[in-house]
Amino acid sequence: MQKVSATIKDFQALAKAGLIGELVAFEINEPDVFHMVGISNKLATAFILHDGELSKERAWSGSRNLFDVAKKIGCRALTIKAFEKQEPAQQEPEQQITLSSGKVINFQ
């Protein structure tokens, strides 16, 4: 999948044309800072929301305003993904979970 920078106006045009299948806000490697990406499976392209005036990727501090941006773009759904830190390899994972009620769930 190719990656392309696009402004908010580009995103609006893509959404209006039905070319954005999924809108995703990804938390970057800074706590509570997000970038917005529009995924177009039809075009096999990920559009990264870019600030035209600053000539760089647009970032949002906090998740509060992300849905307002999605509505401005013309999307009614938004997926928010948190940054996943790489954890050191652990030993054998547990094969059961004990719920707060005391019930034990076994799994493999």
PDB file of N, CA and C in Angstrom:
ATOM      1  N   MET A   1       0.857  -1.176   0.000  1.00  0.00           N
ATOM      2  CA  MET A   1       0.000   0.000   0.000  1.00  0.00           C
ATOM      3  C   MET A   1       0.901   1.237   0.000  1.00  0.00           C
ATOM      4  N   GLN A   2       0.626   2.143  -0.907  1.00  0.00           N
ATOM      5  CA  GLN A   2       1.437   3.358  -0.959  1.00  0.00           C
ATOM      6  C   GLN A   2       0.910   4.388   0.038  1.00  0.00           C
ATOM      7  N   LYS A   3       1.785   5.306   0.443  1.00  0.00           N
ATOM      8  CA  LYS A   3       1.431   6.373   1.378  1.00  0.00           C
ATOM      9  C   LYS A   3       1.530   7.710   0.660  1.00  0.00           C
ATOM     10  N   VAL A   4       0.487   8.542   0.835  1.00  0.00           N
ATOM     11  CA  VAL A   4       0.433   9.831   0.160  1.00  0.00           C
ATOM     12  C   VAL A   4      -0.011  10.894   1.160  1.00  0.00           C
ATOM     13  N   SER A   5       0.674  12.037   1.166  1.00  0.00           N
ATOM     14  CA  SER A   5       0.251  13.161   2.007  1.00  0.00           C
ATOM     15  C   SER A   5      -0.939  13.847   1.349  1.00  0.00           C
ATOM     16  N   ALA A   6      -1.917  14.277   2.159  1.00  0.00           N
ATOM     17  CA  ALA A   6      -3.109  14.950   1.633  1.00  0.00           C
ATOM     18  C   ALA A   6      -3.593  15.967   2.656  1.00  0.00           C
ATOM     19  N   THR A   7      -4.098  17.101   2.175  1.00  0.00           N
ATOM     20  CA  THR A   7      -4.625  18.143   3.057  1.00  0.00           C
ATOM     21  C   THR A   7      -6.059  17.802   3.463  1.00  0.00           C
ATOM     22  N   ILE A   8      -6.614  18.580   4.364  1.00  0.00           N
ATOM     23  CA  ILE A   8      -7.999  18.368   4.805  1.00  0.00           C
ATOM     24  C   ILE A   8      -8.960  18.493   3.620  1.00  0.00           C
ATOM     25  N   LYS A   9      -8.700  19.427   2.692  1.00  0.00           N
ATOM     26  CA  LYS A   9      -9.550  19.567   1.499  1.00  0.00           C
ATOM     27  C   LYS A   9      -9.459  18.329   0.617  1.00  0.00           C
ATOM     28  N   ASP A  10      -8.262  17.763   0.508  1.00  0.00           N
ATOM     29  CA  ASP A  10      -8.092  16.519  -0.251  1.00  0.00           C
ATOM     30  C   ASP A  10      -8.907  15.401   0.398  1.00  0.00           C
ATOM     31  N   PHE A  11      -8.832  15.316   1.733  1.00  0.00           N
ATOM     32  CA  PHE A  11      -9.579  14.297   2.464  1.00  0.00           C
ATOM     33  C   PHE A  11     -11.079  14.457   2.223  1.00  0.00           C
ATOM     34  N   GLN A  12     -11.556  15.702   2.245  1.00  0.00           N
ATOM     35  CA  GLN A  12     -12.979  15.953   2.013  1.00  0.00           C
ATOM     36  C   GLN A  12     -13.393  15.489   0.621  1.00  0.00           C
ATOM     37  N   ALA A  13     -12.582  15.772  -0.389  1.00  0.00           N
ATOM     38  CA  ALA A  13     -12.884  15.347  -1.760  1.00  0.00           C
ATOM     39  C   ALA A  13     -12.856  13.824  -1.880  1.00  0.00           C
ATOM     40  N   LEU A  14     -11.876  13.195  -1.247  1.00  0.00           N
ATOM     41  CA  LEU A  14     -11.782  11.731  -1.278  1.00  0.00           C
ATOM     42  C   LEU A  14     -12.984  11.086  -0.586  1.00  0.00           C
ATOM     43  N   ALA A  15     -13.384  11.646   0.548  1.00  0.00           N
ATOM     44  CA  ALA A  15     -14.534  11.109   1.281  1.00  0.00           C
ATOM     45  C   ALA A  15     -15.814  11.281   0.472  1.00  0.00           C
ATOM     46  N   LYS A  16     -15.975  12.448  -0.135  1.00  0.00           N
ATOM     47  CA  LYS A  16     -17.173  12.723  -0.936  1.00  0.00           C
ATOM     48  C   LYS A  16     -17.268  11.765  -2.124  1.00  0.00           C
ATOM     49  N   ALA A  17     -16.125  11.401  -2.689  1.00  0.00           N
ATOM     50  CA  ALA A  17     -16.085  10.469  -3.817  1.00  0.00           C
ATOM     51  C   ALA A  17     -16.200   9.011  -3.368  1.00  0.00           C
ATOM     52  N   GLY A  18     -16.265   8.782  -2.041  1.00  0.00           N
ATOM     53  CA  GLY A  18     -16.379   7.422  -1.519  1.00  0.00           C
ATOM     54  C   GLY A  18     -15.084   6.636  -1.586  1.00  0.00           C
ATOM     55  N   LEU A  19     -13.969   7.327  -1.586  1.00  0.00           N
ATOM     56  CA  LEU A  19     -12.677   6.662  -1.719  1.00  0.00           C
ATOM     57  C   LEU A  19     -11.960   6.404  -0.401  1.00  0.00           C
ATOM     58  N   ILE A  20     -12.487   6.915   0.705  1.00  0.00           N
ATOM     59  CA  ILE A  20     -11.896   6.612   2.013  1.00  0.00           C
ATOM     60  C   ILE A  20     -12.777   5.553   2.669  1.00  0.00           C
ATOM     61  N   GLY A  21     -12.224   4.369   2.799  1.00  0.00           N
ATOM     62  CA  GLY A  21     -12.974   3.271   3.400  1.00  0.00           C
ATOM     63  C   GLY A  21     -12.909   3.283   4.913  1.00  0.00           C
ATOM     64  N   GLU A  22     -11.784   3.743   5.442  1.00  0.00           N
ATOM     65  CA  GLU A  22     -11.608   3.765   6.900  1.00  0.00           C
ATOM     66  C   GLU A  22     -10.753   4.965   7.271  1.00  0.00           C
ATOM     67  N   LEU A  23     -11.145   5.631   8.339  1.00  0.00           N
ATOM     68  CA  LEU A  23     -10.386   6.753   8.875  1.00  0.00           C
ATOM     69  C   LEU A  23      -9.817   6.313  10.219  1.00  0.00           C
ATOM     70  N   VAL A  24      -8.498   6.428  10.364  1.00  0.00           N
ATOM     71  CA  VAL A  24      -7.826   5.927  11.561  1.00  0.00           C
ATOM     72  C   VAL A  24      -6.944   7.016  12.146  1.00  0.00           C
ATOM     73  N   ALA A  25      -7.025   7.202  13.468  1.00  0.00           N
ATOM     74  CA  ALA A  25      -6.115   8.090  14.190  1.00  0.00           C
ATOM     75  C   ALA A  25      -5.119   7.196  14.931  1.00  0.00           C
ATOM     76  N   PHE A  26      -3.851   7.333  14.591  1.00  0.00           N
ATOM     77  CA  PHE A  26      -2.800   6.528  15.207  1.00  0.00           C
ATOM     78  C   PHE A  26      -2.057   7.359  16.235  1.00  0.00           C
ATOM     79  N   GLU A  27      -1.942   6.822  17.447  1.00  0.00           N
ATOM     80  CA  GLU A  27      -1.099   7.478  18.444  1.00  0.00           C
ATOM     81  C   GLU A  27       0.351   7.228  18.032  1.00  0.00           C
ATOM     82  N   ILE A  28       1.134   8.292  17.967  1.00  0.00           N
ATOM     83  CA  ILE A  28       2.537   8.140  17.568  1.00  0.00           C
ATOM     84  C   ILE A  28       3.375   7.859  18.808  1.00  0.00           C
ATOM     85  N   ASN A  29       4.674   7.858  18.656  1.00  0.00           N
ATOM     86  CA  ASN A  29       5.569   7.510  19.758  1.00  0.00           C
ATOM     87  C   ASN A  29       5.706   8.632  20.785  1.00  0.00           C
ATOM     88  N   GLU A  30       4.688   9.455  20.918  1.00  0.00           N
ATOM     89  CA  GLU A  30       4.605  10.472  21.963  1.00  0.00           C
ATOM     90  C   GLU A  30       3.270  10.238  22.651  1.00  0.00           C
ATOM     91  N   PRO A  31       3.223  10.267  23.965  1.00  0.00           N
ATOM     92  CA  PRO A  31       1.960   9.998  24.649  1.00  0.00           C
ATOM     93  C   PRO A  31       0.853  10.957  24.230  1.00  0.00           C
ATOM     94  N   ASP A  32      -0.275  10.398  23.839  1.00  0.00           N
ATOM     95  CA  ASP A  32      -1.495  11.147  23.541  1.00  0.00           C
ATOM     96  C   ASP A  32      -1.354  12.131  22.379  1.00  0.00           C
ATOM     97  N   VAL A  33      -0.530  11.800  21.390  1.00  0.00           N
ATOM     98  CA  VAL A  33      -0.394  12.599  20.173  1.00  0.00           C
ATOM     99  C   VAL A  33      -0.756  11.695  18.994  1.00  0.00           C
ATOM    100  N   PHE A  34      -1.641  12.188  18.111  1.00  0.00           N
ATOM    101  CA  PHE A  34      -2.207  11.363  17.058  1.00  0.00           C
ATOM    102  C   PHE A  34      -1.989  11.956  15.671  1.00  0.00           C
ATOM    103  N   HIS A  35      -1.836  11.065  14.687  1.00  0.00           N
ATOM    104  CA  HIS A  35      -1.855  11.411  13.271  1.00  0.00           C
ATOM    105  C   HIS A  35      -3.100  10.766  12.677  1.00  0.00           C
ATOM    106  N   MET A  36      -3.684  11.393  11.664  1.00  0.00           N
ATOM    107  CA  MET A  36      -4.894  10.896  11.019  1.00  0.00           C
ATOM    108  C   MET A  36      -4.531  10.310   9.653  1.00  0.00           C
ATOM    109  N   VAL A  37      -5.070   9.108   9.376  1.00  0.00           N
ATOM    110  CA  VAL A  37      -4.807   8.423   8.115  1.00  0.00           C
ATOM    111  C   VAL A  37      -6.132   7.945   7.532  1.00  0.00           C
ATOM    112  N   GLY A  38      -6.319   8.186   6.254  1.00  0.00           N
ATOM    113  CA  GLY A  38      -7.479   7.674   5.531  1.00  0.00           C
ATOM    114  C   GLY A  38      -7.037   6.506   4.670  1.00  0.00           C
ATOM    115  N   ILE A  39      -7.690   5.361   4.842  1.00  0.00           N
ATOM    116  CA  ILE A  39      -7.316   4.157   4.105  1.00  0.00           C
ATOM    117  C   ILE A  39      -8.266   3.987   2.919  1.00  0.00           C
ATOM    118  N   SER A  40      -7.704   3.869   1.728  1.00  0.00           N
ATOM    119  CA  SER A  40      -8.494   3.596   0.532  1.00  0.00           C
ATOM    120  C   SER A  40      -8.069   2.250  -0.028  1.00  0.00           C
ATOM    121  N   ASN A  41      -8.886   1.233   0.202  1.00  0.00           N
ATOM    122  CA  ASN A  41      -8.588  -0.078  -0.366  1.00  0.00           C
ATOM    123  C   ASN A  41      -8.772  -0.052  -1.883  1.00  0.00           C
ATOM    124  N   LYS A  42      -9.713   0.771  -2.360  1.00  0.00           N
ATOM    125  CA  LYS A  42      -9.948   0.882  -3.810  1.00  0.00           C
ATOM    126  C   LYS A  42      -8.703   1.364  -4.535  1.00  0.00           C
ATOM    127  N   LEU A  43      -7.973   2.291  -3.913  1.00  0.00           N
ATOM    128  CA  LEU A  43      -6.777   2.859  -4.526  1.00  0.00           C
ATOM    129  C   LEU A  43      -5.485   2.251  -3.981  1.00  0.00           C
ATOM    130  N   ALA A  44      -5.616   1.334  -3.021  1.00  0.00           N
ATOM    131  CA  ALA A  44      -4.458   0.726  -2.345  1.00  0.00           C
ATOM    132  C   ALA A  44      -3.514   1.813  -1.829  1.00  0.00           C
ATOM    133  N   THR A  45      -4.129   2.806  -1.155  1.00  0.00           N
ATOM    134  CA  THR A  45      -3.364   3.969  -0.690  1.00  0.00           C
ATOM    135  C   THR A  45      -3.780   4.360   0.720  1.00  0.00           C
ATOM    136  N   ALA A  46      -2.792   4.755   1.516  1.00  0.00           N
ATOM    137  CA  ALA A  46      -3.036   5.344   2.834  1.00  0.00           C
ATOM    138  C   ALA A  46      -2.740   6.834   2.710  1.00  0.00           C
ATOM    139  N   PHE A  47      -3.758   7.661   2.906  1.00  0.00           N
ATOM    140  CA  PHE A  47      -3.600   9.109   2.833  1.00  0.00           C
ATOM    141  C   PHE A  47      -3.323   9.642   4.232  1.00  0.00           C
ATOM    142  N   ILE A  48      -2.208  10.339   4.391  1.00  0.00           N
ATOM    143  CA  ILE A  48      -1.807  10.870   5.693  1.00  0.00           C
ATOM    144  C   ILE A  48      -2.177  12.344   5.725  1.00  0.00           C
ATOM    145  N   LEU A  49      -2.955  12.742   6.739  1.00  0.00           N
ATOM    146  CA  LEU A  49      -3.403  14.133   6.826  1.00  0.00           C
ATOM    147  C   LEU A  49      -2.205  15.041   7.063  1.00  0.00           C
ATOM    148  N   HIS A  50      -2.038  15.984   6.167  1.00  0.00           N
ATOM    149  CA  HIS A  50      -0.871  16.841   6.094  1.00  0.00           C
ATOM    150  C   HIS A  50      -1.312  18.289   6.249  1.00  0.00           C
ATOM    151  N   ASP A  51      -0.572  19.058   6.992  1.00  0.00           N
ATOM    152  CA  ASP A  51      -0.869  20.486   7.135  1.00  0.00           C
ATOM    153  C   ASP A  51      -0.211  21.226   5.982  1.00  0.00           C
ATOM    154  N   GLY A  52      -1.025  21.760   5.077  1.00  0.00           N
ATOM    155  CA  GLY A  52      -0.506  22.435   3.890  1.00  0.00           C
ATOM    156  C   GLY A  52       0.354  23.643   4.195  1.00  0.00           C
ATOM    157  N   GLU A  53       0.000  24.385   5.243  1.00  0.00           N
ATOM    158  CA  GLU A  53       0.761  25.596   5.579  1.00  0.00           C
ATOM    159  C   GLU A  53       2.101  25.273   6.225  1.00  0.00           C
ATOM    160  N   LEU A  54       2.132  24.232   7.051  1.00  0.00           N
ATOM    161  CA  LEU A  54       3.362  23.886   7.763  1.00  0.00           C
ATOM    162  C   LEU A  54       4.213  22.878   7.003  1.00  0.00           C
ATOM    163  N   SER A  55       3.650  22.297   5.942  1.00  0.00           N
ATOM    164  CA  SER A  55       4.350  21.300   5.126  1.00  0.00           C
ATOM    165  C   SER A  55       4.849  20.118   5.955  1.00  0.00           C
ATOM    166  N   LYS A  56       3.997  19.633   6.843  1.00  0.00           N
ATOM    167  CA  LYS A  56       4.337  18.432   7.610  1.00  0.00           C
ATOM    168  C   LYS A  56       3.041  17.743   8.039  1.00  0.00           C
ATOM    169  N   GLU A  57       3.187  16.505   8.540  1.00  0.00           N
ATOM    170  CA  GLU A  57       2.014  15.769   8.993  1.00  0.00           C
ATOM    171  C   GLU A  57       1.334  16.516  10.122  1.00  0.00           C
ATOM    172  N   ARG A  58       0.029  16.540  10.077  1.00  0.00           N
ATOM    173  CA  ARG A  58      -0.770  17.210  11.122  1.00  0.00           C
ATOM    174  C   ARG A  58      -0.834  16.295  12.328  1.00  0.00           C
ATOM    175  N   ALA A  59      -0.641  16.838  13.519  1.00  0.00           N
ATOM    176  CA  ALA A  59      -0.708  16.057  14.755  1.00  0.00           C
ATOM    177  C   ALA A  59      -1.717  16.696  15.700  1.00  0.00           C
ATOM    178  N   TRP A  60      -2.437  15.845  16.436  1.00  0.00           N
ATOM    179  CA  TRP A  60      -3.399  16.309  17.430  1.00  0.00           C
ATOM    180  C   TRP A  60      -2.942  15.847  18.794  1.00  0.00           C
ATOM    181  N   SER A  61      -2.978  16.759  19.745  1.00  0.00           N
ATOM    182  CA  SER A  61      -2.654  16.426  21.120  1.00  0.00           C
ATOM    183  C   SER A  61      -3.952  16.034  21.818  1.00  0.00           C
ATOM    184  N   GLY A  62      -4.029  14.801  22.244  1.00  0.00           N
ATOM    185  CA  GLY A  62      -5.247  14.296  22.880  1.00  0.00           C
ATOM    186  C   GLY A  62      -6.234  13.778  21.848  1.00  0.00           C
ATOM    187  N   SER A  63      -7.179  13.003  22.300  1.00  0.00           N
ATOM    188  CA  SER A  63      -8.134  12.380  21.378  1.00  0.00           C
ATOM    189  C   SER A  63      -9.463  13.123  21.327  1.00  0.00           C
ATOM    190  N   ARG A  64      -9.607  14.193  22.102  1.00  0.00           N
ATOM    191  CA  ARG A  64     -10.882  14.908  22.203  1.00  0.00           C
ATOM    192  C   ARG A  64     -11.428  15.428  20.885  1.00  0.00           C
ATOM    193  N   ASN A  65     -10.583  16.021  20.070  1.00  0.00           N
ATOM    194  CA  ASN A  65     -11.040  16.690  18.849  1.00  0.00           C
ATOM    195  C   ASN A  65     -11.018  15.807  17.607  1.00  0.00           C
ATOM    196  N   LEU A  66     -10.587  14.564  17.751  1.00  0.00           N
ATOM    197  CA  LEU A  66     -10.424  13.721  16.575  1.00  0.00           C
ATOM    198  C   LEU A  66     -11.739  13.461  15.852  1.00  0.00           C
ATOM    199  N   PHE A  67     -12.826  13.231  16.580  1.00  0.00           N
ATOM    200  CA  PHE A  67     -14.088  12.954  15.907  1.00  0.00           C
ATOM    201  C   PHE A  67     -14.611  14.201  15.197  1.00  0.00           C
ATOM    202  N   ASP A  68     -14.356  15.385  15.758  1.00  0.00           N
ATOM    203  CA  ASP A  68     -14.739  16.625  15.070  1.00  0.00           C
ATOM    204  C   ASP A  68     -14.027  16.725  13.718  1.00  0.00           C
ATOM    205  N   VAL A  69     -12.780  16.303  13.670  1.00  0.00           N
ATOM    206  CA  VAL A  69     -12.026  16.313  12.420  1.00  0.00           C
ATOM    207  C   VAL A  69     -12.646  15.307  11.448  1.00  0.00           C
ATOM    208  N   ALA A  70     -13.000  14.124  11.956  1.00  0.00           N
ATOM    209  CA  ALA A  70     -13.625  13.101  11.102  1.00  0.00           C
ATOM    210  C   ALA A  70     -14.922  13.629  10.488  1.00  0.00           C
ATOM    211  N   LYS A  71     -15.736  14.315  11.298  1.00  0.00           N
ATOM    212  CA  LYS A  71     -16.990  14.877  10.776  1.00  0.00           C
ATOM    213  C   LYS A  71     -16.712  15.961   9.742  1.00  0.00           C
ATOM    214  N   LYS A  72     -15.687  16.787   9.976  1.00  0.00           N
ATOM    215  CA  LYS A  72     -15.334  17.846   9.021  1.00  0.00           C
ATOM    216  C   LYS A  72     -14.905  17.232   7.684  1.00  0.00           C
ATOM    217  N   ILE A  73     -14.208  16.101   7.761  1.00  0.00           N
ATOM    218  CA  ILE A  73     -13.774  15.407   6.549  1.00  0.00           C
ATOM    219  C   ILE A  73     -14.981  14.818   5.814  1.00  0.00           C
ATOM    220  N   GLY A  74     -15.995  14.414   6.572  1.00  0.00           N
ATOM    221  CA  GLY A  74     -17.171  13.796   5.967  1.00  0.00           C
ATOM    222  C   GLY A  74     -17.290  12.323   6.299  1.00  0.00           C
ATOM    223  N   CYS A  75     -16.526  11.866   7.294  1.00  0.00           N
ATOM    224  CA  CYS A  75     -16.586  10.466   7.729  1.00  0.00           C
ATOM    225  C   CYS A  75     -17.370  10.391   9.032  1.00  0.00           C
ATOM    226  N   ARG A  76     -18.202   9.370   9.138  1.00  0.00           N
ATOM    227  CA  ARG A  76     -19.032   9.218  10.327  1.00  0.00           C
ATOM    228  C   ARG A  76     -18.471   8.176  11.290  1.00  0.00           C
ATOM    229  N   ALA A  77     -17.344   7.581  10.947  1.00  0.00           N
ATOM    230  CA  ALA A  77     -16.720   6.592  11.823  1.00  0.00           C
ATOM    231  C   ALA A  77     -15.222   6.868  11.890  1.00  0.00           C
ATOM    232  N   LEU A  78     -14.643   6.587  13.024  1.00  0.00           N
ATOM    233  CA  LEU A  78     -13.223   6.822  13.253  1.00  0.00           C
ATOM    234  C   LEU A  78     -12.694   5.737  14.163  1.00  0.00           C
ATOM    235  N   THR A  79     -11.588   5.140  13.778  1.00  0.00           N
ATOM    236  CA  THR A  79     -10.906   4.157  14.615  1.00  0.00           C
ATOM    237  C   THR A  79      -9.707   4.843  15.253  1.00  0.00           C
ATOM    238  N   ILE A  80      -9.550   4.671  16.563  1.00  0.00           N
ATOM    239  CA  ILE A  80      -8.404   5.249  17.275  1.00  0.00           C
ATOM    240  C   ILE A  80      -7.527   4.100  17.754  1.00  0.00           C
ATOM    241  N   LYS A  81      -6.257   4.156  17.379  1.00  0.00           N
ATOM    242  CA  LYS A  81      -5.322   3.091  17.753  1.00  0.00           C
ATOM    243  C   LYS A  81      -4.212   3.667  18.620  1.00  0.00           C
ATOM    244  N   ALA A  82      -4.012   3.051  19.765  1.00  0.00           N
ATOM    245  CA  ALA A  82      -2.967   3.481  20.695  1.00  0.00           C
ATOM    246  C   ALA A  82      -1.619   2.941  20.235  1.00  0.00           C
ATOM    247  N   PHE A  83      -0.575   3.665  20.586  1.00  0.00           N
ATOM    248  CA  PHE A  83       0.790   3.231  20.283  1.00  0.00           C
ATOM    249  C   PHE A  83       1.094   1.980  21.089  1.00  0.00           C
ATOM    250  N   GLU A  84       1.662   0.981  20.428  1.00  0.00           N
ATOM    251  CA  GLU A  84       2.003  -0.262  21.117  1.00  0.00           C
ATOM    252  C   GLU A  84       3.504  -0.307  21.366  1.00  0.00           C
ATOM    253  N   LYS A  85       3.864  -0.261  22.637  1.00  0.00           N
ATOM    254  CA  LYS A  85       5.273  -0.385  22.983  1.00  0.00           C
ATOM    255  C   LYS A  85       5.695  -1.838  22.801  1.00  0.00           C
ATOM    256  N   GLN A  86       6.911  -2.021  22.343  1.00  0.00           N
ATOM    257  CA  GLN A  86       7.453  -3.364  22.217  1.00  0.00           C
ATOM    258  C   GLN A  86       7.886  -3.842  23.596  1.00  0.00           C
ATOM    259  N   GLU A  87       7.195  -4.849  24.076  1.00  0.00           N
ATOM    260  CA  GLU A  87       7.517  -5.418  25.383  1.00  0.00           C
ATOM    261  C   GLU A  87       8.617  -6.465  25.219  1.00  0.00           C
ATOM    262  N   PRO A  88       9.487  -6.589  26.214  1.00  0.00           N
ATOM    263  CA  PRO A  88      10.495  -7.652  26.134  1.00  0.00           C
ATOM    264  C   PRO A  88       9.798  -9.012  26.126  1.00  0.00           C
ATOM    265  N   ALA A  89      10.417  -9.964  25.460  1.00  0.00           N
ATOM    266  CA  ALA A  89       9.836 -11.306  25.371  1.00  0.00           C
ATOM    267  C   ALA A  89       9.629 -11.869  26.766  1.00  0.00           C
ATOM    268  N   GLN A  90       8.438 -12.415  26.971  1.00  0.00           N
ATOM    269  CA  GLN A  90       8.115 -12.999  28.266  1.00  0.00           C
ATOM    270  C   GLN A  90       8.239 -14.505  28.184  1.00  0.00           C
ATOM    271  N   GLN A  91       8.269 -15.106  29.369  1.00  0.00           N
ATOM    272  CA  GLN A  91       8.284 -16.553  29.410  1.00  0.00           C
ATOM    273  C   GLN A  91       6.892 -17.048  29.054  1.00  0.00           C
ATOM    274  N   GLU A  92       6.649 -18.309  29.215  1.00  0.00           N
ATOM    275  CA  GLU A  92       5.378 -18.953  28.889  1.00  0.00           C
ATOM    276  C   GLU A  92       4.194 -18.114  29.332  1.00  0.00           C
ATOM    277  N   PRO A  93       3.285 -17.740  28.401  1.00  0.00           N
ATOM    278  CA  PRO A  93       2.099 -16.984  28.811  1.00  0.00           C
ATOM    279  C   PRO A  93       1.162 -17.854  29.647  1.00  0.00           C
ATOM    280  N   GLU A  94       0.438 -17.202  30.530  1.00  0.00           N
ATOM    281  CA  GLU A  94      -0.504 -17.939  31.364  1.00  0.00           C
ATOM    282  C   GLU A  94      -1.606 -18.530  30.511  1.00  0.00           C
ATOM    283  N   GLN A  95      -2.107 -19.668  30.934  1.00  0.00           N
ATOM    284  CA  GLN A  95      -3.156 -20.364  30.199  1.00  0.00           C
ATOM    285  C   GLN A  95      -4.518 -20.196  30.855  1.00  0.00           C
ATOM    286  N   GLN A  96      -4.597 -19.303  31.836  1.00  0.00           N
ATOM    287  CA  GLN A  96      -5.881 -19.064  32.478  1.00  0.00           C
ATOM    288  C   GLN A  96      -5.960 -17.639  33.000  1.00  0.00           C
ATOM    289  N   ILE A  97      -7.189 -17.178  33.125  1.00  0.00           N
ATOM    290  CA  ILE A  97      -7.457 -15.865  33.689  1.00  0.00           C
ATOM    291  C   ILE A  97      -8.458 -16.057  34.807  1.00  0.00           C
ATOM    292  N   THR A  98      -8.185 -15.434  35.943  1.00  0.00           N
ATOM    293  CA  THR A  98      -9.134 -15.485  37.053  1.00  0.00           C
ATOM    294  C   THR A  98      -9.863 -14.154  37.092  1.00  0.00           C
ATOM    295  N   LEU A  99     -11.178 -14.200  36.891  1.00  0.00           N
ATOM    296  CA  LEU A  99     -11.998 -12.998  36.893  1.00  0.00           C
ATOM    297  C   LEU A  99     -12.202 -12.494  38.318  1.00  0.00           C
ATOM    298  N   SER A 100     -12.623 -11.243  38.460  1.00  0.00           N
ATOM    299  CA  SER A 100     -12.830 -10.663  39.795  1.00  0.00           C
ATOM    300  C   SER A 100     -13.891 -11.426  40.573  1.00  0.00           C
ATOM    301  N   SER A 101     -14.795 -12.128  39.871  1.00  0.00           N
ATOM    302  CA  SER A 101     -15.828 -12.923  40.544  1.00  0.00           C
ATOM    303  C   SER A 101     -15.262 -14.230  41.097  1.00  0.00           C
ATOM    304  N   GLY A 102     -14.024 -14.552  40.737  1.00  0.00           N
ATOM    305  CA  GLY A 102     -13.413 -15.783  41.187  1.00  0.00           C
ATOM    306  C   GLY A 102     -13.476 -16.882  40.131  1.00  0.00           C
ATOM    307  N   LYS A 103     -14.271 -16.709  39.097  1.00  0.00           N
ATOM    308  CA  LYS A 103     -14.389 -17.691  38.030  1.00  0.00           C
ATOM    309  C   LYS A 103     -13.069 -17.753  37.260  1.00  0.00           C
ATOM    310  N   VAL A 104     -12.612 -18.969  36.959  1.00  0.00           N
ATOM    311  CA  VAL A 104     -11.362 -19.179  36.247  1.00  0.00           C
ATOM    312  C   VAL A 104     -11.688 -19.551  34.800  1.00  0.00           C
ATOM    313  N   ILE A 105     -11.078 -18.830  33.870  1.00  0.00           N
ATOM    314  CA  ILE A 105     -11.238 -19.098  32.430  1.00  0.00           C
ATOM    315  C   ILE A 105      -9.960 -19.729  31.943  1.00  0.00           C
ATOM    316  N   ASN A 106     -10.042 -20.964  31.466  1.00  0.00           N
ATOM    317  CA  ASN A 106      -8.881 -21.664  30.904  1.00  0.00           C
ATOM    318  C   ASN A 106      -8.908 -21.535  29.393  1.00  0.00           C
ATOM    319  N   PHE A 107      -7.750 -21.329  28.785  1.00  0.00           N
ATOM    320  CA  PHE A 107      -7.660 -21.226  27.329  1.00  0.00           C
ATOM    321  C   PHE A 107      -6.304 -21.687  26.865  1.00  0.00           C
ATOM    322  N   GLN A 108      -6.210 -21.934  25.593  1.00  0.00           N
ATOM    323  CA  GLN A 108      -4.919 -22.355  25.009  1.00  0.00           C
ATOM    324  C   GLN A 108      -4.631 -21.554  23.781  1.00  0.00           C
TER     325      GLN A 108
END
